[in-house]
Amino acid sequence: GLVQTGGSLRLSCLVSGSIFSFNAMGWYRQAPGKQRELVAALTSAGT
């Protein structure tokens, strides 16, 4: 959504099926004119 500088948002990713079946889960972002980049990831090694 739209938020002012300094504000907060919580994104959710609902997966069909157990998330245990995946090696890793992550959030990526892509701004206009830029490449997609990794924001945060959860793996067996941590975050």
ModelCIF file with pLDDT and N, C-alpha, C, O atoms, coordinates in Angstrom:
data_MODEL
#
_entry.id   MODEL 
#
_entity.id                         1 
_entity.type                       polymer 
_entity.pdbx_number_of_molecules   1 
#
_entity_poly.entity_id                      1 
_entity_poly.type                           'polypeptide(L)' 
_entity_poly.nstd_linkage                   no 
_entity_poly.nstd_monomer                   no 
_entity_poly.pdbx_seq_one_letter_code       GLVQTGGSLRLSCLVSGSIFSFNAMGWYRQAPGKQRELVAALTSAGT 
_entity_poly.pdbx_seq_one_letter_code_can   GLVQTGGSLRLSCLVSGSIFSFNAMGWYRQAPGKQRELVAALTSAGT 
_entity_poly.pdbx_strand_id                 A 
#
loop_
_entity_poly_seq.entity_id 
_entity_poly_seq.num 
_entity_poly_seq.mon_id 
_entity_poly_seq.hetero 
1 1  GLY n 
1 2  LEU n 
1 3  VAL n 
1 4  GLN n 
1 5  THR n 
1 6  GLY n 
1 7  GLY n 
1 8  SER n 
1 9  LEU n 
1 10 ARG n 
1 11 LEU n 
1 12 SER n 
1 13 CYS n 
1 14 LEU n 
1 15 VAL n 
1 16 SER n 
1 17 GLY n 
1 18 SER n 
1 19 ILE n 
1 20 PHE n 
1 21 SER n 
1 22 PHE n 
1 23 ASN n 
1 24 ALA n 
1 25 MET n 
1 26 GLY n 
1 27 TRP n 
1 28 TYR n 
1 29 ARG n 
1 30 GLN n 
1 31 ALA n 
1 32 PRO n 
1 33 GLY n 
1 34 LYS n 
1 35 GLN n 
1 36 ARG n 
1 37 GLU n 
1 38 LEU n 
1 39 VAL n 
1 40 ALA n 
1 41 ALA n 
1 42 LEU n 
1 43 THR n 
1 44 SER n 
1 45 ALA n 
1 46 GLY n 
1 47 THR n 
#
_struct_asym.id          A 
_struct_asym.entity_id   1 
#
loop_
_ma_qa_metric.id 
_ma_qa_metric.mode 
_ma_qa_metric.name 
_ma_qa_metric.software_group_id 
_ma_qa_metric.type 
1 global pLDDT . pLDDT 
2 local  pLDDT . pLDDT 
#
_ma_qa_metric_global.metric_id      1 
_ma_qa_metric_global.metric_value   94.38 
_ma_qa_metric_global.model_id       1 
_ma_qa_metric_global.ordinal_id     1 
#
loop_
_ma_qa_metric_local.label_asym_id 
_ma_qa_metric_local.label_comp_id 
_ma_qa_metric_local.label_seq_id 
_ma_qa_metric_local.metric_id 
_ma_qa_metric_local.metric_value 
_ma_qa_metric_local.model_id 
_ma_qa_metric_local.ordinal_id 
A GLY 1  2 98.00 1 1  
A LEU 2  2 98.00 1 2  
A VAL 3  2 98.00 1 3  
A GLN 4  2 98.00 1 4  
A THR 5  2 98.00 1 5  
A GLY 6  2 98.00 1 6  
A GLY 7  2 98.00 1 7  
A SER 8  2 98.00 1 8  
A LEU 9  2 98.00 1 9  
A ARG 10 2 98.00 1 10 
A LEU 11 2 98.00 1 11 
A SER 12 2 98.00 1 12 
A CYS 13 2 97.00 1 13 
A LEU 14 2 96.00 1 14 
A VAL 15 2 94.00 1 15 
A SER 16 2 90.00 1 16 
A GLY 17 2 77.00 1 17 
A SER 18 2 79.00 1 18 
A ILE 19 2 77.00 1 19 
A PHE 20 2 79.00 1 20 
A SER 21 2 84.00 1 21 
A PHE 22 2 90.00 1 22 
A ASN 23 2 90.00 1 23 
A ALA 24 2 94.00 1 24 
A MET 25 2 96.00 1 25 
A GLY 26 2 97.00 1 26 
A TRP 27 2 98.00 1 27 
A TYR 28 2 98.00 1 28 
A ARG 29 2 98.00 1 29 
A GLN 30 2 98.00 1 30 
A ALA 31 2 96.00 1 31 
A PRO 32 2 92.00 1 32 
A GLY 33 2 95.00 1 33 
A LYS 34 2 96.00 1 34 
A GLN 35 2 97.00 1 35 
A ARG 36 2 97.00 1 36 
A GLU 37 2 98.00 1 37 
A LEU 38 2 98.00 1 38 
A VAL 39 2 98.00 1 39 
A ALA 40 2 98.00 1 40 
A ALA 41 2 98.00 1 41 
A LEU 42 2 96.00 1 42 
A THR 43 2 93.00 1 43 
A SER 44 2 91.00 1 44 
A ALA 45 2 93.00 1 45 
A GLY 46 2 95.00 1 46 
A THR 47 2 97.00 1 47 
#
loop_
_atom_site.group_PDB 
_atom_site.id 
_atom_site.type_symbol 
_atom_site.label_atom_id 
_atom_site.label_alt_id 
_atom_site.label_comp_id 
_atom_site.label_asym_id 
_atom_site.label_entity_id 
_atom_site.label_seq_id 
_atom_site.pdbx_PDB_ins_code 
_atom_site.Cartn_x 
_atom_site.Cartn_y 
_atom_site.Cartn_z 
_atom_site.occupancy 
_atom_site.B_iso_or_equiv 
_atom_site.pdbx_formal_charge 
_atom_site.auth_seq_id 
_atom_site.auth_comp_id 
_atom_site.auth_asym_id 
_atom_site.auth_atom_id 
_atom_site.pdbx_PDB_model_num 
ATOM 1   N N  . GLY A 1 1  ? 0.810  -1.200  0.000   1.00 98.00 ? 1  GLY A N  1 
ATOM 2   C CA . GLY A 1 1  ? 0.000  0.000   0.000   1.00 98.00 ? 1  GLY A CA 1 
ATOM 3   C C  . GLY A 1 1  ? 0.844  1.250   0.000   1.00 98.00 ? 1  GLY A C  1 
ATOM 4   O O  . GLY A 1 1  ? 2.044  1.215   -0.274  1.00 98.00 ? 1  GLY A O  1 
ATOM 5   N N  . LEU A 1 2  ? 0.194  2.361   0.313   1.00 98.00 ? 2  LEU A N  1 
ATOM 6   C CA . LEU A 1 2  ? 0.851  3.664   0.360   1.00 98.00 ? 2  LEU A CA 1 
ATOM 7   C C  . LEU A 1 2  ? 1.074  4.044   1.820   1.00 98.00 ? 2  LEU A C  1 
ATOM 8   O O  . LEU A 1 2  ? 0.160  3.971   2.641   1.00 98.00 ? 2  LEU A O  1 
ATOM 9   N N  . VAL A 1 3  ? 2.294  4.447   2.128   1.00 98.00 ? 3  VAL A N  1 
ATOM 10  C CA . VAL A 1 3  ? 2.628  4.822   3.501   1.00 98.00 ? 3  VAL A CA 1 
ATOM 11  C C  . VAL A 1 3  ? 3.593  5.999   3.465   1.00 98.00 ? 3  VAL A C  1 
ATOM 12  O O  . VAL A 1 3  ? 4.344  6.168   2.504   1.00 98.00 ? 3  VAL A O  1 
ATOM 13  N N  . GLN A 1 4  ? 3.568  6.799   4.505   1.00 98.00 ? 4  GLN A N  1 
ATOM 14  C CA . GLN A 1 4  ? 4.478  7.937   4.582   1.00 98.00 ? 4  GLN A CA 1 
ATOM 15  C C  . GLN A 1 4  ? 5.860  7.497   5.061   1.00 98.00 ? 4  GLN A C  1 
ATOM 16  O O  . GLN A 1 4  ? 6.009  6.446   5.684   1.00 98.00 ? 4  GLN A O  1 
ATOM 17  N N  . THR A 1 5  ? 6.843  8.298   4.767   1.00 98.00 ? 5  THR A N  1 
ATOM 18  C CA . THR A 1 5  ? 8.202  8.057   5.261   1.00 98.00 ? 5  THR A CA 1 
ATOM 19  C C  . THR A 1 5  ? 8.184  7.868   6.776   1.00 98.00 ? 5  THR A C  1 
ATOM 20  O O  . THR A 1 5  ? 7.572  8.641   7.513   1.00 98.00 ? 5  THR A O  1 
ATOM 21  N N  . GLY A 1 6  ? 8.866  6.825   7.211   1.00 98.00 ? 6  GLY A N  1 
ATOM 22  C CA . GLY A 1 6  ? 8.907  6.509   8.637   1.00 98.00 ? 6  GLY A CA 1 
ATOM 23  C C  . GLY A 1 6  ? 7.841  5.546   9.090   1.00 98.00 ? 6  GLY A C  1 
ATOM 24  O O  . GLY A 1 6  ? 7.874  5.069   10.225  1.00 98.00 ? 6  GLY A O  1 
ATOM 25  N N  . GLY A 1 7  ? 6.899  5.255   8.226   1.00 98.00 ? 7  GLY A N  1 
ATOM 26  C CA . GLY A 1 7  ? 5.805  4.361   8.567   1.00 98.00 ? 7  GLY A CA 1 
ATOM 27  C C  . GLY A 1 7  ? 6.186  2.896   8.463   1.00 98.00 ? 7  GLY A C  1 
ATOM 28  O O  . GLY A 1 7  ? 7.329  2.553   8.164   1.00 98.00 ? 7  GLY A O  1 
ATOM 29  N N  . SER A 1 8  ? 5.204  2.036   8.715   1.00 98.00 ? 8  SER A N  1 
ATOM 30  C CA . SER A 1 8  ? 5.419  0.593   8.708   1.00 98.00 ? 8  SER A CA 1 
ATOM 31  C C  . SER A 1 8  ? 4.350  -0.107  7.893   1.00 98.00 ? 8  SER A C  1 
ATOM 32  O O  . SER A 1 8  ? 3.225  0.374   7.761   1.00 98.00 ? 8  SER A O  1 
ATOM 33  N N  . LEU A 1 9  ? 4.726  -1.244  7.353   1.00 98.00 ? 9  LEU A N  1 
ATOM 34  C CA . LEU A 1 9  ? 3.796  -2.147  6.670   1.00 98.00 ? 9  LEU A CA 1 
ATOM 35  C C  . LEU A 1 9  ? 4.225  -3.575  6.978   1.00 98.00 ? 9  LEU A C  1 
ATOM 36  O O  . LEU A 1 9  ? 5.400  -3.842  7.231   1.00 98.00 ? 9  LEU A O  1 
ATOM 37  N N  . ARG A 1 10 ? 3.271  -4.476  6.953   1.00 98.00 ? 10 ARG A N  1 
ATOM 38  C CA . ARG A 1 10 ? 3.595  -5.898  7.061   1.00 98.00 ? 10 ARG A CA 1 
ATOM 39  C C  . ARG A 1 10 ? 3.039  -6.614  5.842   1.00 98.00 ? 10 ARG A C  1 
ATOM 40  O O  . ARG A 1 10 ? 1.834  -6.621  5.591   1.00 98.00 ? 10 ARG A O  1 
ATOM 41  N N  . LEU A 1 11 ? 3.942  -7.208  5.102   1.00 98.00 ? 11 LEU A N  1 
ATOM 42  C CA . LEU A 1 11 ? 3.556  -7.999  3.941   1.00 98.00 ? 11 LEU A CA 1 
ATOM 43  C C  . LEU A 1 11 ? 3.369  -9.453  4.355   1.00 98.00 ? 11 LEU A C  1 
ATOM 44  O O  . LEU A 1 11 ? 4.058  -9.956  5.243   1.00 98.00 ? 11 LEU A O  1 
ATOM 45  N N  . SER A 1 12 ? 2.426  -10.116 3.697   1.00 98.00 ? 12 SER A N  1 
ATOM 46  C CA . SER A 1 12 ? 2.175  -11.533 3.940   1.00 98.00 ? 12 SER A CA 1 
ATOM 47  C C  . SER A 1 12 ? 2.282  -12.298 2.636   1.00 98.00 ? 12 SER A C  1 
ATOM 48  O O  . SER A 1 12 ? 1.906  -11.797 1.576   1.00 98.00 ? 12 SER A O  1 
ATOM 49  N N  . CYS A 1 13 ? 2.793  -13.507 2.722   1.00 97.00 ? 13 CYS A N  1 
ATOM 50  C CA . CYS A 1 13 ? 2.875  -14.395 1.571   1.00 97.00 ? 13 CYS A CA 1 
ATOM 51  C C  . CYS A 1 13 ? 2.243  -15.721 1.981   1.00 97.00 ? 13 CYS A C  1 
ATOM 52  O O  . CYS A 1 13 ? 2.824  -16.498 2.739   1.00 97.00 ? 13 CYS A O  1 
ATOM 53  N N  . LEU A 1 14 ? 1.055  -15.957 1.468   1.00 96.00 ? 14 LEU A N  1 
ATOM 54  C CA . LEU A 1 14 ? 0.340  -17.197 1.775   1.00 96.00 ? 14 LEU A CA 1 
ATOM 55  C C  . LEU A 1 14 ? 0.698  -18.239 0.724   1.00 96.00 ? 14 LEU A C  1 
ATOM 56  O O  . LEU A 1 14 ? 0.564  -18.007 -0.477  1.00 96.00 ? 14 LEU A O  1 
ATOM 57  N N  . VAL A 1 15 ? 1.151  -19.383 1.199   1.00 94.00 ? 15 VAL A N  1 
ATOM 58  C CA . VAL A 1 15 ? 1.599  -20.455 0.315   1.00 94.00 ? 15 VAL A CA 1 
ATOM 59  C C  . VAL A 1 15 ? 0.590  -21.590 0.329   1.00 94.00 ? 15 VAL A C  1 
ATOM 60  O O  . VAL A 1 15 ? 0.119  -22.000 1.391   1.00 94.00 ? 15 VAL A O  1 
ATOM 61  N N  . SER A 1 16 ? 0.260  -22.093 -0.848  1.00 90.00 ? 16 SER A N  1 
ATOM 62  C CA . SER A 1 16 ? -0.629 -23.257 -0.920  1.00 90.00 ? 16 SER A CA 1 
ATOM 63  C C  . SER A 1 16 ? 0.201  -24.499 -0.662  1.00 90.00 ? 16 SER A C  1 
ATOM 64  O O  . SER A 1 16 ? 0.988  -24.918 -1.510  1.00 90.00 ? 16 SER A O  1 
ATOM 65  N N  . GLY A 1 17 ? 0.023  -25.076 0.495   1.00 77.00 ? 17 GLY A N  1 
ATOM 66  C CA . GLY A 1 17 ? 0.844  -26.211 0.861   1.00 77.00 ? 17 GLY A CA 1 
ATOM 67  C C  . GLY A 1 17 ? 1.788  -25.857 1.982   1.00 77.00 ? 17 GLY A C  1 
ATOM 68  O O  . GLY A 1 17 ? 1.935  -24.689 2.341   1.00 77.00 ? 17 GLY A O  1 
ATOM 69  N N  . SER A 1 18 ? 2.420  -26.860 2.530   1.00 79.00 ? 18 SER A N  1 
ATOM 70  C CA . SER A 1 18 ? 3.289  -26.639 3.679   1.00 79.00 ? 18 SER A CA 1 
ATOM 71  C C  . SER A 1 18 ? 4.574  -25.931 3.277   1.00 79.00 ? 18 SER A C  1 
ATOM 72  O O  . SER A 1 18 ? 5.229  -26.306 2.305   1.00 79.00 ? 18 SER A O  1 
ATOM 73  N N  . ILE A 1 19 ? 4.922  -24.900 4.041   1.00 77.00 ? 19 ILE A N  1 
ATOM 74  C CA . ILE A 1 19 ? 6.160  -24.188 3.736   1.00 77.00 ? 19 ILE A CA 1 
ATOM 75  C C  . ILE A 1 19 ? 7.379  -24.996 4.179   1.00 77.00 ? 19 ILE A C  1 
ATOM 76  O O  . ILE A 1 19 ? 8.511  -24.630 3.862   1.00 77.00 ? 19 ILE A O  1 
ATOM 77  N N  . PHE A 1 20 ? 7.159  -26.092 4.908   1.00 79.00 ? 20 PHE A N  1 
ATOM 78  C CA . PHE A 1 20 ? 8.255  -26.978 5.254   1.00 79.00 ? 20 PHE A CA 1 
ATOM 79  C C  . PHE A 1 20 ? 8.845  -27.647 4.019   1.00 79.00 ? 20 PHE A C  1 
ATOM 80  O O  . PHE A 1 20 ? 9.994  -28.088 4.038   1.00 79.00 ? 20 PHE A O  1 
ATOM 81  N N  . SER A 1 21 ? 8.059  -27.724 2.944   1.00 84.00 ? 21 SER A N  1 
ATOM 82  C CA . SER A 1 21 ? 8.510  -28.433 1.752   1.00 84.00 ? 21 SER A CA 1 
ATOM 83  C C  . SER A 1 21 ? 9.497  -27.631 0.920   1.00 84.00 ? 21 SER A C  1 
ATOM 84  O O  . SER A 1 21 ? 10.012 -28.132 -0.080  1.00 84.00 ? 21 SER A O  1 
ATOM 85  N N  . PHE A 1 22 ? 9.766  -26.398 1.317   1.00 90.00 ? 22 PHE A N  1 
ATOM 86  C CA . PHE A 1 22 ? 10.659 -25.532 0.553   1.00 90.00 ? 22 PHE A CA 1 
ATOM 87  C C  . PHE A 1 22 ? 12.002 -25.372 1.268   1.00 90.00 ? 22 PHE A C  1 
ATOM 88  O O  . PHE A 1 22 ? 12.066 -25.325 2.497   1.00 90.00 ? 22 PHE A O  1 
ATOM 89  N N  . ASN A 1 23 ? 13.074 -25.289 0.473   1.00 90.00 ? 23 ASN A N  1 
ATOM 90  C CA . ASN A 1 23 ? 14.406 -25.112 1.041   1.00 90.00 ? 23 ASN A CA 1 
ATOM 91  C C  . ASN A 1 23 ? 14.593 -23.707 1.588   1.00 90.00 ? 23 ASN A C  1 
ATOM 92  O O  . ASN A 1 23 ? 15.304 -23.490 2.569   1.00 90.00 ? 23 ASN A O  1 
ATOM 93  N N  . ALA A 1 24 ? 13.941 -22.761 0.933   1.00 94.00 ? 24 ALA A N  1 
ATOM 94  C CA . ALA A 1 24 ? 14.114 -21.371 1.326   1.00 94.00 ? 24 ALA A CA 1 
ATOM 95  C C  . ALA A 1 24 ? 12.881 -20.580 0.909   1.00 94.00 ? 24 ALA A C  1 
ATOM 96  O O  . ALA A 1 24 ? 12.183 -20.924 -0.045  1.00 94.00 ? 24 ALA A O  1 
ATOM 97  N N  . MET A 1 25 ? 12.643 -19.518 1.652   1.00 96.00 ? 25 MET A N  1 
ATOM 98  C CA . MET A 1 25 ? 11.592 -18.569 1.326   1.00 96.00 ? 25 MET A CA 1 
ATOM 99  C C  . MET A 1 25 ? 12.211 -17.184 1.351   1.00 96.00 ? 25 MET A C  1 
ATOM 100 O O  . MET A 1 25 ? 13.069 -16.892 2.184   1.00 96.00 ? 25 MET A O  1 
ATOM 101 N N  . GLY A 1 26 ? 11.770 -16.328 0.432   1.00 97.00 ? 26 GLY A N  1 
ATOM 102 C CA . GLY A 1 26 ? 12.377 -15.003 0.414   1.00 97.00 ? 26 GLY A CA 1 
ATOM 103 C C  . GLY A 1 26 ? 11.450 -13.938 -0.123  1.00 97.00 ? 26 GLY A C  1 
ATOM 104 O O  . GLY A 1 26 ? 10.457 -14.214 -0.796  1.00 97.00 ? 26 GLY A O  1 
ATOM 105 N N  . TRP A 1 27 ? 11.807 -12.723 0.198   1.00 98.00 ? 27 TRP A N  1 
ATOM 106 C CA . TRP A 1 27 ? 11.130 -11.539 -0.335  1.00 98.00 ? 27 TRP A CA 1 
ATOM 107 C C  . TRP A 1 27 ? 12.108 -10.797 -1.240  1.00 98.00 ? 27 TRP A C  1 
ATOM 108 O O  . TRP A 1 27 ? 13.268 -10.584 -0.886  1.00 98.00 ? 27 TRP A O  1 
ATOM 109 N N  . TYR A 1 28 ? 11.624 -10.415 -2.398  1.00 98.00 ? 28 TYR A N  1 
ATOM 110 C CA . TYR A 1 28 ? 12.399 -9.653  -3.360  1.00 98.00 ? 28 TYR A CA 1 
ATOM 111 C C  . TYR A 1 28 ? 11.609 -8.389  -3.700  1.00 98.00 ? 28 TYR A C  1 
ATOM 112 O O  . TYR A 1 28 ? 10.408 -8.299  -3.445  1.00 98.00 ? 28 TYR A O  1 
ATOM 113 N N  . ARG A 1 29 ? 12.309 -7.423  -4.276  1.00 98.00 ? 29 ARG A N  1 
ATOM 114 C CA . ARG A 1 29 ? 11.623 -6.221  -4.730  1.00 98.00 ? 29 ARG A CA 1 
ATOM 115 C C  . ARG A 1 29 ? 12.229 -5.731  -6.028  1.00 98.00 ? 29 ARG A C  1 
ATOM 116 O O  . ARG A 1 29 ? 13.398 -5.970  -6.331  1.00 98.00 ? 29 ARG A O  1 
ATOM 117 N N  . GLN A 1 30 ? 11.391 -5.036  -6.786  1.00 98.00 ? 30 GLN A N  1 
ATOM 118 C CA . GLN A 1 30 ? 11.852 -4.433  -8.033  1.00 98.00 ? 30 GLN A CA 1 
ATOM 119 C C  . GLN A 1 30 ? 11.249 -3.061  -8.168  1.00 98.00 ? 30 GLN A C  1 
ATOM 120 O O  . GLN A 1 30 ? 10.031 -2.898  -8.236  1.00 98.00 ? 30 GLN A O  1 
ATOM 121 N N  . ALA A 1 31 ? 12.125 -2.071  -8.206  1.00 96.00 ? 31 ALA A N  1 
ATOM 122 C CA . ALA A 1 31 ? 11.694 -0.690  -8.403  1.00 96.00 ? 31 ALA A CA 1 
ATOM 123 C C  . ALA A 1 31 ? 11.724 -0.386  -9.894  1.00 96.00 ? 31 ALA A C  1 
ATOM 124 O O  . ALA A 1 31 ? 12.424 -1.064  -10.646 1.00 96.00 ? 31 ALA A O  1 
ATOM 125 N N  . PRO A 1 32 ? 10.977 0.622   -10.333 1.00 92.00 ? 32 PRO A N  1 
ATOM 126 C CA . PRO A 1 32 ? 10.954 0.974   -11.760 1.00 92.00 ? 32 PRO A CA 1 
ATOM 127 C C  . PRO A 1 32 ? 12.351 1.262   -12.288 1.00 92.00 ? 32 PRO A C  1 
ATOM 128 O O  . PRO A 1 32 ? 13.094 2.047   -11.699 1.00 92.00 ? 32 PRO A O  1 
ATOM 129 N N  . GLY A 1 33 ? 12.702 0.632   -13.389 1.00 95.00 ? 33 GLY A N  1 
ATOM 130 C CA . GLY A 1 33 ? 13.990 0.868   -14.010 1.00 95.00 ? 33 GLY A CA 1 
ATOM 131 C C  . GLY A 1 33 ? 15.167 0.185   -13.336 1.00 95.00 ? 33 GLY A C  1 
ATOM 132 O O  . GLY A 1 33 ? 16.317 0.401   -13.718 1.00 95.00 ? 33 GLY A O  1 
ATOM 133 N N  . LYS A 1 34 ? 14.880 -0.643  -12.329 1.00 96.00 ? 34 LYS A N  1 
ATOM 134 C CA . LYS A 1 34 ? 15.954 -1.317  -11.605 1.00 96.00 ? 34 LYS A CA 1 
ATOM 135 C C  . LYS A 1 34 ? 15.763 -2.827  -11.669 1.00 96.00 ? 34 LYS A C  1 
ATOM 136 O O  . LYS A 1 34 ? 14.676 -3.327  -11.956 1.00 96.00 ? 34 LYS A O  1 
ATOM 137 N N  . GLN A 1 35 ? 16.857 -3.538  -11.391 1.00 97.00 ? 35 GLN A N  1 
ATOM 138 C CA . GLN A 1 35 ? 16.778 -4.990  -11.354 1.00 97.00 ? 35 GLN A CA 1 
ATOM 139 C C  . GLN A 1 35 ? 16.131 -5.454  -10.057 1.00 97.00 ? 35 GLN A C  1 
ATOM 140 O O  . GLN A 1 35 ? 16.168 -4.766  -9.036  1.00 97.00 ? 35 GLN A O  1 
ATOM 141 N N  . ARG A 1 36 ? 15.543 -6.630  -10.128 1.00 97.00 ? 36 ARG A N  1 
ATOM 142 C CA . ARG A 1 36 ? 14.978 -7.218  -8.921  1.00 97.00 ? 36 ARG A CA 1 
ATOM 143 C C  . ARG A 1 36 ? 16.102 -7.571  -7.955  1.00 97.00 ? 36 ARG A C  1 
ATOM 144 O O  . ARG A 1 36 ? 17.151 -8.070  -8.364  1.00 97.00 ? 36 ARG A O  1 
ATOM 145 N N  . GLU A 1 37 ? 15.873 -7.309  -6.675  1.00 98.00 ? 37 GLU A N  1 
ATOM 146 C CA . GLU A 1 37 ? 16.897 -7.573  -5.678  1.00 98.00 ? 37 GLU A CA 1 
ATOM 147 C C  . GLU A 1 37 ? 16.306 -8.331  -4.501  1.00 98.00 ? 37 GLU A C  1 
ATOM 148 O O  . GLU A 1 37 ? 15.124 -8.206  -4.180  1.00 98.00 ? 37 GLU A O  1 
ATOM 149 N N  . LEU A 1 38 ? 17.159 -9.116  -3.872  1.00 98.00 ? 38 LEU A N  1 
ATOM 150 C CA . LEU A 1 38 ? 16.767 -9.823  -2.665  1.00 98.00 ? 38 LEU A CA 1 
ATOM 151 C C  . LEU A 1 38 ? 16.647 -8.841  -1.512  1.00 98.00 ? 38 LEU A C  1 
ATOM 152 O O  . LEU A 1 38 ? 17.537 -8.019  -1.292  1.00 98.00 ? 38 LEU A O  1 
ATOM 153 N N  . VAL A 1 39 ? 15.547 -8.928  -0.778  1.00 98.00 ? 39 VAL A N  1 
ATOM 154 C CA . VAL A 1 39 ? 15.350 -8.082  0.392   1.00 98.00 ? 39 VAL A CA 1 
ATOM 155 C C  . VAL A 1 39 ? 15.660 -8.874  1.661   1.00 98.00 ? 39 VAL A C  1 
ATOM 156 O O  . VAL A 1 39 ? 16.424 -8.427  2.516   1.00 98.00 ? 39 VAL A O  1 
ATOM 157 N N  . ALA A 1 40 ? 15.055 -10.057 1.768   1.00 98.00 ? 40 ALA A N  1 
ATOM 158 C CA . ALA A 1 40 ? 15.243 -10.881 2.966   1.00 98.00 ? 40 ALA A CA 1 
ATOM 159 C C  . ALA A 1 40 ? 14.938 -12.329 2.626   1.00 98.00 ? 40 ALA A C  1 
ATOM 160 O O  . ALA A 1 40 ? 14.107 -12.616 1.764   1.00 98.00 ? 40 ALA A O  1 
ATOM 161 N N  . ALA A 1 41 ? 15.624 -13.241 3.314   1.00 98.00 ? 41 ALA A N  1 
ATOM 162 C CA . ALA A 1 41 ? 15.425 -14.658 3.030   1.00 98.00 ? 41 ALA A CA 1 
ATOM 163 C C  . ALA A 1 41 ? 15.482 -15.477 4.301   1.00 98.00 ? 41 ALA A C  1 
ATOM 164 O O  . ALA A 1 41 ? 16.185 -15.145 5.256   1.00 98.00 ? 41 ALA A O  1 
ATOM 165 N N  . LEU A 1 42 ? 14.722 -16.554 4.285   1.00 96.00 ? 42 LEU A N  1 
ATOM 166 C CA . LEU A 1 42 ? 14.729 -17.564 5.347   1.00 96.00 ? 42 LEU A CA 1 
ATOM 167 C C  . LEU A 1 42 ? 15.250 -18.864 4.758   1.00 96.00 ? 42 LEU A C  1 
ATOM 168 O O  . LEU A 1 42 ? 14.669 -19.392 3.810   1.00 96.00 ? 42 LEU A O  1 
ATOM 169 N N  . THR A 1 43 ? 16.329 -19.380 5.304   1.00 93.00 ? 43 THR A N  1 
ATOM 170 C CA . THR A 1 43 ? 16.876 -20.647 4.840   1.00 93.00 ? 43 THR A CA 1 
ATOM 171 C C  . THR A 1 43 ? 17.109 -21.538 6.052   1.00 93.00 ? 43 THR A C  1 
ATOM 172 O O  . THR A 1 43 ? 16.850 -21.147 7.190   1.00 93.00 ? 43 THR A O  1 
ATOM 173 N N  . SER A 1 44 ? 17.604 -22.743 5.783   1.00 91.00 ? 44 SER A N  1 
ATOM 174 C CA . SER A 1 44 ? 17.919 -23.653 6.880   1.00 91.00 ? 44 SER A CA 1 
ATOM 175 C C  . SER A 1 44 ? 19.034 -23.097 7.759   1.00 91.00 ? 44 SER A C  1 
ATOM 176 O O  . SER A 1 44 ? 19.180 -23.489 8.916   1.00 91.00 ? 44 SER A O  1 
ATOM 177 N N  . ALA A 1 45 ? 19.819 -22.179 7.197   1.00 93.00 ? 45 ALA A N  1 
ATOM 178 C CA . ALA A 1 45 ? 20.932 -21.591 7.944   1.00 93.00 ? 45 ALA A CA 1 
ATOM 179 C C  . ALA A 1 45 ? 20.510 -20.379 8.757   1.00 93.00 ? 45 ALA A C  1 
ATOM 180 O O  . ALA A 1 45 ? 21.277 -19.883 9.582   1.00 93.00 ? 45 ALA A O  1 
ATOM 181 N N  . GLY A 1 46 ? 19.298 -19.902 8.528   1.00 95.00 ? 46 GLY A N  1 
ATOM 182 C CA . GLY A 1 46 ? 18.827 -18.742 9.262   1.00 95.00 ? 46 GLY A CA 1 
ATOM 183 C C  . GLY A 1 46 ? 18.256 -17.686 8.339   1.00 95.00 ? 46 GLY A C  1 
ATOM 184 O O  . GLY A 1 46 ? 17.668 -18.002 7.305   1.00 95.00 ? 46 GLY A O  1 
ATOM 185 N N  . THR A 1 47 ? 18.430 -16.425 8.719   1.00 97.00 ? 47 THR A N  1 
ATOM 186 C CA . THR A 1 47 ? 17.895 -15.330 7.921   1.00 97.00 ? 47 THR A CA 1 
ATOM 187 C C  . THR A 1 47 ? 19.032 -14.490 7.365   1.00 97.00 ? 47 THR A C  1 
ATOM 188 O O  . THR A 1 47 ? 18.789 -13.511 6.660   1.00 97.00 ? 47 THR A O  1 
#
